[in-house]
Amino acid sequence: MSGAEAEDLGERLLERTAQLVEVASVSHQEAELADLVEAEVRGVADLGVERIGDSVVARSADRGGARLVLAGHLDTVPPAVEGLGIERLPDAVAGLGAVDMKGGLAVLLELACRAAHARVGLTFVFYACEEVAREENALGRLAQERPGLLEGDAAVLAEPTGGVVEAGCQGTARIRVTLGGRRAHTARPWTGVNAVHRMAPLLARISSYPGRRVRLDGCEYREQLQAVAVQGGAAANVVPDLAQLVLNHRFAPDRSPEEALAALEAWVEEDLQTALGDQLEVLDVAPAAPPHLASPWLAALVAATGQAPRAKLGWTDVATFAGMGVPAANFGPGDPRLAHGPREVVHRDELLHAFWVLGALVGLPTSGPELDPRGPGEPGPPRS
């Protein structure tokens, strides 16, 4: 690709990103953006398109004996400041969702327009409700109700990763800890048991939680435990007899949800007293996903980036694909540290890098220079 062609592509990716950012798509309000995406992919002759709710699935013809799934979510978190619009910079786009993940969506749309030139079959999945509770996640529903649409030899989630492959993902669990006590007048607290005060030793232990560090495929997953909500108190002159604490736990892919919950519950129960009515309640749990870097497709993705992979410290829908037996990884444009922040900015070079890497993976003849030692037009994994 010549310098002029790269410049044109960079501008087109920026314009696509700006167009997507201009369409508000907070979770459960993705219909307008889904309309835009659907119209775009329906205009590509090589793609068969299906609209399911506010999700759009576009599939190219089978070719090369393999199929890759490229996926991204349409929704954003709510804005930090209402009315904050898009900002078009000379070499970047700023605005809600620019990083998480409309820059990635722009790259996927550009790839979709060129799907006929790929050496493998491609499935593009643009889905709703990733930023909310897992039971509302549209990709999860597709996996349950229409699994055939998501079948592939590997999948890539276009999450913002700074152009580095973030392998697998952590699992996540939320539990509610209820601590009991005994009511009394605040003038005579020794006649009761203060449930709120009983939180203190547990909170102290949580603040110094000795989270495990687990290395898988050379990637280090760091487990975490955080208190994310507290509730308690009856009245200003009453020693409270009930206090509740919600904990969020991020666990490594070497543990199943059941194993992670058992370990967490055993750790928390050291501070509980059943005689006072203390109890634990699991609010939700989502499985982790292993790195799967032994997959030839994901190994080729790592090679195309020219950078070592790292662990995904968070939960993403690679776990949904892993649950279907499809090895998956996170890779996309944008600094993940800016995601959900007050000002998301994605740059032209980040968009181009993501496009070229994914283009090299699927064998597009317009892949970037020197990204694939096998030369342009050759798909990522080794030839059999």
Protein backbone atom coordinates (compact mmCIF):
# COMPACT_ATOMS: atom_id res chain seq x y z
CA MET A 1 0.00 0.00 0.00
CA SER A 2 1.48 3.35 -1.06
CA GLY A 3 1.80 6.32 1.24
CA ALA A 4 -1.07 8.09 -0.52
CA GLU A 5 -3.28 5.01 -0.23
CA ALA A 6 -2.46 4.72 3.46
CA GLU A 7 -3.31 8.39 3.95
CA ASP A 8 -6.66 7.91 2.19
CA LEU A 9 -7.40 4.82 4.27
CA GLY A 10 -6.51 6.64 7.46
CA GLU A 11 -8.87 9.48 6.62
CA ARG A 12 -11.64 7.04 5.74
CA LEU A 13 -11.21 5.23 9.07
CA LEU A 14 -11.34 8.53 10.93
CA GLU A 15 -14.49 9.53 9.07
CA ARG A 16 -16.11 6.17 9.79
CA THR A 17 -15.25 6.53 13.47
CA ALA A 18 -16.63 10.06 13.60
CA GLN A 19 -19.86 8.94 11.93
CA LEU A 20 -20.28 6.14 14.47
CA VAL A 21 -19.50 8.39 17.45
CA GLU A 22 -22.07 10.93 16.26
CA VAL A 23 -24.81 8.31 16.67
CA ALA A 24 -25.59 7.92 20.37
CA SER A 25 -25.84 4.26 21.37
CA VAL A 26 -25.97 3.92 25.13
CA SER A 27 -26.91 0.35 26.10
CA HIS A 28 -30.52 -0.51 25.13
CA GLN A 29 -30.53 2.46 22.73
CA GLU A 30 -28.53 0.96 19.85
CA ALA A 31 -31.29 0.83 17.21
CA GLU A 32 -30.15 3.87 15.22
CA LEU A 33 -26.54 2.71 15.13
CA ALA A 34 -27.64 -0.81 14.21
CA ASP A 35 -29.62 0.72 11.31
CA LEU A 36 -26.50 2.51 10.08
CA VAL A 37 -24.33 -0.61 10.33
CA GLU A 38 -26.98 -2.79 8.69
CA ALA A 39 -27.31 -0.42 5.75
CA GLU A 40 -23.53 -0.38 5.32
CA VAL A 41 -23.03 -4.16 5.27
CA ARG A 42 -26.14 -4.81 3.15
CA GLY A 43 -24.45 -2.74 0.48
CA VAL A 44 -21.59 -5.27 0.26
CA ALA A 45 -22.35 -7.85 -2.41
CA ASP A 46 -20.33 -10.66 -0.84
CA LEU A 47 -22.10 -10.52 2.53
CA GLY A 48 -25.23 -12.26 3.70
CA VAL A 49 -26.78 -10.10 6.42
CA GLU A 50 -29.18 -10.90 9.24
CA ARG A 51 -30.62 -8.43 11.76
CA ILE A 52 -31.52 -9.89 15.16
CA GLY A 53 -32.99 -7.24 17.41
CA ASP A 54 -30.39 -4.48 17.52
CA SER A 55 -27.55 -6.79 16.49
CA VAL A 56 -26.29 -7.30 12.94
CA VAL A 57 -24.49 -10.40 11.66
CA ALA A 58 -22.83 -10.33 8.22
CA ARG A 59 -21.22 -13.45 6.74
CA SER A 60 -19.07 -13.76 3.64
CA ALA A 61 -18.93 -16.82 1.45
CA ASP A 62 -16.97 -19.85 2.62
CA ARG A 63 -13.44 -19.88 1.26
CA GLY A 64 -10.03 -21.20 2.14
CA GLY A 65 -11.42 -23.95 4.36
CA ALA A 66 -11.55 -21.64 7.39
CA ARG A 67 -13.75 -18.99 8.96
CA LEU A 68 -12.89 -16.17 11.34
CA VAL A 69 -15.36 -14.22 13.46
CA LEU A 70 -14.70 -10.50 13.97
CA ALA A 71 -16.97 -8.97 16.59
CA GLY A 72 -17.65 -5.69 18.34
CA HIS A 73 -20.35 -4.21 20.55
CA LEU A 74 -22.46 -1.28 19.43
CA ASP A 75 -23.29 0.15 22.85
CA THR A 76 -21.49 2.64 25.05
CA VAL A 77 -21.71 3.52 28.72
CA PRO A 78 -23.77 6.64 29.57
CA PRO A 79 -21.97 9.95 29.02
CA ALA A 80 -20.00 11.45 31.87
CA VAL A 81 -21.31 14.90 30.87
CA GLU A 82 -24.65 15.25 29.07
CA GLY A 83 -24.44 17.04 25.74
CA LEU A 84 -20.72 16.45 25.29
CA GLY A 85 -20.39 15.98 21.53
CA ILE A 86 -17.84 14.71 19.06
CA GLU A 87 -14.53 16.47 18.49
CA ARG A 88 -12.81 15.93 15.15
CA LEU A 89 -9.07 16.52 15.49
CA PRO A 90 -6.52 16.57 12.62
CA ASP A 91 -5.42 12.99 13.32
CA ALA A 92 -7.95 11.72 15.85
CA VAL A 93 -11.59 11.54 16.90
CA ALA A 94 -12.73 12.32 20.45
CA GLY A 95 -16.12 11.55 21.92
CA LEU A 96 -18.16 9.04 23.87
CA GLY A 97 -17.32 5.55 22.67
CA ALA A 98 -14.47 6.62 20.37
CA VAL A 99 -12.20 4.16 22.19
CA ASP A 100 -14.73 1.67 23.54
CA MET A 101 -15.34 0.77 20.85
CA LYS A 102 -16.42 2.75 17.82
CA GLY A 103 -12.87 2.97 16.51
CA GLY A 104 -12.86 -0.83 16.48
CA LEU A 105 -16.26 -0.89 14.77
CA ALA A 106 -14.93 1.44 12.07
CA VAL A 107 -12.08 -0.99 11.40
CA LEU A 108 -14.52 -3.92 11.20
CA LEU A 109 -16.76 -2.06 8.76
CA GLU A 110 -13.80 -1.24 6.52
CA LEU A 111 -12.78 -4.91 6.58
CA ALA A 112 -16.37 -5.96 5.85
CA CYS A 113 -16.37 -3.84 2.70
CA ARG A 114 -13.34 -5.84 1.52
CA ALA A 115 -14.52 -9.27 2.65
CA ALA A 116 -14.68 -10.59 -0.92
CA HIS A 117 -10.89 -10.21 -1.15
CA ALA A 118 -10.10 -12.17 2.02
CA ARG A 119 -8.64 -15.66 1.70
CA VAL A 120 -10.97 -17.06 4.41
CA GLY A 121 -14.64 -16.88 5.24
CA LEU A 122 -15.46 -13.97 7.54
CA THR A 123 -18.31 -13.41 9.99
CA PHE A 124 -18.85 -9.90 11.32
CA VAL A 125 -20.93 -9.55 14.48
CA PHE A 126 -22.08 -6.10 15.62
CA TYR A 127 -24.02 -6.66 18.82
CA ALA A 128 -25.95 -4.80 21.50
CA CYS A 129 -25.83 -4.56 25.29
CA GLU A 130 -22.26 -5.50 26.16
CA GLU A 131 -21.84 -2.73 28.74
CA VAL A 132 -24.67 -3.93 30.99
CA ALA A 133 -25.49 -7.06 32.98
CA ARG A 134 -24.39 -10.30 31.37
CA GLU A 135 -27.93 -11.66 31.11
CA GLU A 136 -28.77 -8.73 28.82
CA ASN A 137 -25.77 -9.27 26.54
CA ALA A 138 -26.98 -9.82 22.96
CA LEU A 139 -23.94 -11.90 22.01
CA GLY A 140 -24.68 -14.24 24.88
CA ARG A 141 -28.24 -14.61 23.62
CA LEU A 142 -26.98 -15.35 20.11
CA ALA A 143 -24.66 -18.00 21.53
CA GLN A 144 -27.63 -19.67 23.20
CA GLU A 145 -30.27 -19.21 20.51
CA ARG A 146 -28.33 -19.03 17.22
CA PRO A 147 -24.92 -20.62 17.87
CA GLY A 148 -24.46 -21.48 14.21
CA LEU A 149 -24.09 -17.79 13.39
CA LEU A 150 -21.00 -17.57 15.62
CA GLU A 151 -19.17 -20.69 14.48
CA GLY A 152 -15.57 -20.19 13.40
CA ASP A 153 -11.99 -21.38 13.71
CA ALA A 154 -11.19 -18.37 15.89
CA ALA A 155 -12.67 -15.03 16.91
CA VAL A 156 -11.30 -11.56 17.53
CA LEU A 157 -13.08 -9.01 19.72
CA ALA A 158 -12.21 -5.51 18.53
CA GLU A 159 -11.96 -4.21 22.10
CA PRO A 160 -9.50 -1.35 22.67
CA THR A 161 -6.13 -2.90 23.48
CA GLY A 162 -3.66 -0.32 22.24
CA GLY A 163 -2.85 -2.51 19.25
CA VAL A 164 -1.60 -5.37 21.44
CA VAL A 165 -3.25 -8.77 21.70
CA GLU A 166 -4.89 -9.11 25.11
CA ALA A 167 -5.29 -12.82 25.60
CA GLY A 168 -8.24 -14.50 27.24
CA CYS A 169 -9.99 -12.64 30.03
CA GLN A 170 -10.58 -12.74 33.75
CA GLY A 171 -13.72 -14.13 35.24
CA THR A 172 -15.87 -11.90 37.40
CA ALA A 173 -18.10 -12.53 40.38
CA ARG A 174 -20.18 -10.33 42.68
CA ILE A 175 -21.23 -11.45 46.12
CA ARG A 176 -23.22 -9.72 48.86
CA VAL A 177 -21.99 -10.17 52.43
CA THR A 178 -24.62 -9.60 55.09
CA LEU A 179 -23.38 -8.93 58.62
CA GLY A 180 -25.76 -9.17 61.55
CA GLY A 181 -25.79 -7.35 64.85
CA ARG A 182 -28.12 -6.44 67.71
CA ARG A 183 -30.03 -3.19 68.00
CA ALA A 184 -29.47 -0.85 70.92
CA HIS A 185 -29.65 2.81 71.81
CA THR A 186 -26.56 4.73 70.71
CA ALA A 187 -26.26 6.08 74.27
CA ARG A 188 -25.80 2.49 75.49
CA PRO A 189 -24.02 0.73 72.59
CA TRP A 190 -22.56 -1.95 74.85
CA THR A 191 -26.03 -3.48 75.09
CA GLY A 192 -26.02 -4.20 71.35
CA VAL A 193 -23.72 -5.27 68.51
CA ASN A 194 -22.95 -2.74 65.79
CA ALA A 195 -23.18 -4.49 62.41
CA VAL A 196 -21.54 -1.57 60.59
CA HIS A 197 -18.53 -1.66 62.93
CA ARG A 198 -18.23 -5.36 62.21
CA MET A 199 -17.36 -4.47 58.62
CA ALA A 200 -14.06 -2.94 59.71
CA PRO A 201 -11.91 -6.09 59.99
CA LEU A 202 -13.33 -7.49 56.74
CA LEU A 203 -12.70 -4.22 54.89
CA ALA A 204 -9.17 -4.13 56.26
CA ARG A 205 -8.52 -7.61 54.94
CA ILE A 206 -10.04 -6.76 51.56
CA SER A 207 -7.81 -3.68 51.21
CA SER A 208 -4.76 -5.94 51.49
CA TYR A 209 -6.22 -8.89 49.58
CA PRO A 210 -3.38 -11.21 48.51
CA GLY A 211 -4.62 -11.77 44.98
CA ARG A 212 -2.98 -14.59 43.08
CA ARG A 213 -0.81 -13.92 40.05
CA VAL A 214 -1.25 -16.70 37.50
CA ARG A 215 0.85 -17.08 34.32
CA LEU A 216 -0.75 -18.81 31.35
CA ASP A 217 0.83 -18.87 27.89
CA GLY A 218 3.30 -16.28 29.16
CA CYS A 219 0.53 -13.85 30.23
CA GLU A 220 0.10 -12.86 33.85
CA TYR A 221 -3.42 -12.61 35.26
CA ARG A 222 -3.67 -10.65 38.53
CA GLU A 223 -6.64 -11.52 40.69
CA GLN A 224 -8.41 -8.69 42.50
CA LEU A 225 -11.05 -8.19 45.18
CA GLN A 226 -12.76 -4.84 45.73
CA ALA A 227 -15.62 -3.61 47.92
CA VAL A 228 -17.95 -1.78 45.52
CA ALA A 229 -21.01 -0.97 47.64
CA VAL A 230 -21.98 -0.71 51.31
CA GLN A 231 -25.32 -0.35 53.01
CA GLY A 232 -26.36 -0.19 56.66
CA GLY A 233 -27.94 1.81 59.43
CA ALA A 234 -31.44 2.16 60.83
CA ALA A 235 -31.68 5.59 62.45
CA ALA A 236 -29.35 8.25 63.82
CA ASN A 237 -29.81 7.02 67.40
CA VAL A 238 -29.89 3.27 66.78
CA VAL A 239 -26.98 0.83 66.84
CA PRO A 240 -27.49 -0.95 63.48
CA ASP A 241 -28.24 -4.64 63.48
CA LEU A 242 -27.65 -5.15 59.76
CA ALA A 243 -24.96 -4.11 57.28
CA GLN A 244 -24.31 -5.29 53.75
CA LEU A 245 -21.21 -5.21 51.61
CA VAL A 246 -20.99 -6.02 47.87
CA LEU A 247 -17.69 -7.42 46.66
CA ASN A 248 -16.40 -7.72 43.10
CA HIS A 249 -13.86 -10.46 42.44
CA ARG A 250 -11.78 -10.85 39.27
CA PHE A 251 -10.32 -14.34 38.95
CA ALA A 252 -7.78 -15.99 36.66
CA PRO A 253 -8.68 -18.40 33.83
CA ASP A 254 -7.19 -21.39 35.65
CA ARG A 255 -10.29 -21.48 37.87
CA SER A 256 -13.86 -22.29 36.98
CA PRO A 257 -16.59 -20.04 38.37
CA GLU A 258 -17.38 -22.72 40.94
CA GLU A 259 -13.75 -22.96 42.06
CA ALA A 260 -13.38 -19.19 42.22
CA LEU A 261 -16.55 -18.78 44.28
CA ALA A 262 -15.54 -21.57 46.66
CA ALA A 263 -12.14 -19.97 47.26
CA LEU A 264 -13.68 -16.51 47.72
CA GLU A 265 -16.35 -17.73 50.12
CA ALA A 266 -13.78 -19.62 52.21
CA TRP A 267 -11.67 -16.46 52.41
CA VAL A 268 -14.58 -14.20 53.42
CA GLU A 269 -16.07 -16.66 55.90
CA GLU A 270 -13.12 -16.16 58.27
CA ASP A 271 -14.84 -12.93 59.37
CA LEU A 272 -18.39 -14.26 59.54
CA GLN A 273 -20.38 -15.40 62.56
CA THR A 274 -23.41 -17.54 61.83
CA ALA A 275 -24.74 -16.91 65.34
CA LEU A 276 -25.29 -13.27 64.37
CA GLY A 277 -27.00 -14.20 61.11
CA ASP A 278 -24.08 -13.49 58.77
CA GLN A 279 -24.47 -14.88 55.27
CA LEU A 280 -23.15 -14.77 51.70
CA GLU A 281 -25.18 -14.41 48.53
CA VAL A 282 -23.87 -14.81 44.97
CA LEU A 283 -25.26 -11.99 42.83
CA ASP A 284 -23.68 -12.96 39.51
CA VAL A 285 -20.70 -14.74 38.05
CA ALA A 286 -19.16 -14.92 34.58
CA PRO A 287 -16.49 -17.42 33.54
CA ALA A 288 -12.95 -16.53 32.58
CA ALA A 289 -11.42 -17.47 29.22
CA PRO A 290 -7.98 -19.06 28.74
CA PRO A 291 -5.45 -17.34 26.45
CA HIS A 292 -5.75 -19.97 23.70
CA LEU A 293 -2.52 -18.68 22.16
CA ALA A 294 -1.73 -22.17 20.88
CA SER A 295 -4.44 -21.58 18.28
CA PRO A 296 -2.63 -21.03 14.97
CA TRP A 297 -4.95 -18.13 14.19
CA LEU A 298 -4.32 -16.34 17.47
CA ALA A 299 -0.60 -17.07 17.23
CA ALA A 300 -0.66 -15.47 13.78
CA LEU A 301 -2.53 -12.48 15.20
CA VAL A 302 0.16 -12.00 17.84
CA ALA A 303 2.89 -12.31 15.20
CA ALA A 304 1.20 -9.70 13.00
CA THR A 305 1.20 -7.14 15.82
CA GLY A 306 4.96 -7.48 16.32
CA GLN A 307 4.42 -7.22 20.09
CA ALA A 308 4.19 -9.69 22.95
CA PRO A 309 0.66 -10.45 24.12
CA ARG A 310 -0.58 -9.60 27.58
CA ALA A 311 -3.37 -10.85 29.80
CA LYS A 312 -6.78 -9.23 29.56
CA LEU A 313 -7.39 -7.77 33.02
CA GLY A 314 -11.16 -7.62 32.83
CA TRP A 315 -14.06 -9.59 31.40
CA THR A 316 -14.96 -9.55 27.72
CA ASP A 317 -16.97 -11.71 25.35
CA VAL A 318 -13.94 -13.82 24.50
CA ALA A 319 -15.43 -15.86 27.36
CA THR A 320 -18.65 -16.25 25.37
CA PHE A 321 -16.71 -17.62 22.40
CA ALA A 322 -14.54 -19.81 24.64
CA GLY A 323 -17.72 -21.32 26.07
CA MET A 324 -18.65 -22.31 22.50
CA GLY A 325 -15.25 -23.89 21.90
CA VAL A 326 -14.05 -21.01 19.68
CA PRO A 327 -10.59 -19.68 20.64
CA ALA A 328 -10.77 -15.90 20.89
CA ALA A 329 -8.66 -12.87 21.76
CA ASN A 330 -9.07 -9.13 22.24
CA PHE A 331 -7.41 -6.83 19.71
CA GLY A 332 -8.36 -3.36 18.59
CA PRO A 333 -7.45 0.33 18.34
CA GLY A 334 -7.46 2.77 21.23
CA ASP A 335 -5.86 3.08 24.65
CA PRO A 336 -7.94 0.91 27.01
CA ARG A 337 -7.10 3.26 29.89
CA LEU A 338 -9.30 5.90 28.20
CA ALA A 339 -12.34 3.61 27.97
CA HIS A 340 -15.34 4.87 29.97
CA GLY A 341 -13.40 8.02 30.85
CA PRO A 342 -14.50 11.65 30.46
CA ARG A 343 -12.71 12.04 27.11
CA GLU A 344 -12.11 9.11 24.80
CA VAL A 345 -9.72 9.73 21.91
CA VAL A 346 -8.69 7.32 19.13
CA HIS A 347 -5.94 8.22 16.65
CA ARG A 348 -5.47 7.60 12.94
CA ASP A 349 -2.32 5.52 13.46
CA GLU A 350 -4.14 3.30 15.93
CA LEU A 351 -6.95 2.68 13.45
CA LEU A 352 -4.52 1.96 10.61
CA HIS A 353 -2.46 -0.43 12.71
CA ALA A 354 -5.56 -2.41 13.72
CA PHE A 355 -6.77 -2.54 10.11
CA TRP A 356 -3.42 -3.71 8.75
CA VAL A 357 -2.96 -6.38 11.42
CA LEU A 358 -6.43 -7.82 10.90
CA GLY A 359 -6.02 -7.49 7.15
CA ALA A 360 -2.82 -9.53 7.35
CA LEU A 361 -4.60 -12.12 9.47
CA VAL A 362 -7.41 -12.69 6.97
CA GLY A 363 -5.18 -12.39 3.91
CA LEU A 364 -6.34 -9.12 2.40
CA PRO A 365 -4.11 -7.98 -0.45
CA THR A 366 -4.22 -4.46 1.02
CA SER A 367 -2.45 -5.47 4.24
CA GLY A 368 0.11 -3.06 5.60
CA PRO A 369 3.78 -3.32 4.63
CA GLU A 370 5.98 -5.83 6.45
CA LEU A 371 3.20 -7.07 8.72
CA ASP A 372 3.13 -10.59 7.32
CA PRO A 373 6.38 -12.31 6.33
CA ARG A 374 4.43 -14.63 4.01
CA GLY A 375 3.56 -11.65 1.86
CA PRO A 376 0.29 -9.91 1.01
CA GLY A 377 -2.75 -12.06 0.38
CA GLU A 378 -1.69 -14.98 2.54
CA PRO A 379 -3.96 -15.75 5.51
CA GLY A 380 -2.46 -15.68 8.98
CA PRO A 381 -1.93 -19.25 10.20
CA PRO A 382 0.66 -21.55 8.63
CA ARG A 383 -0.42 -23.30 5.47
CA SER A 384 -1.17 -26.97 5.90
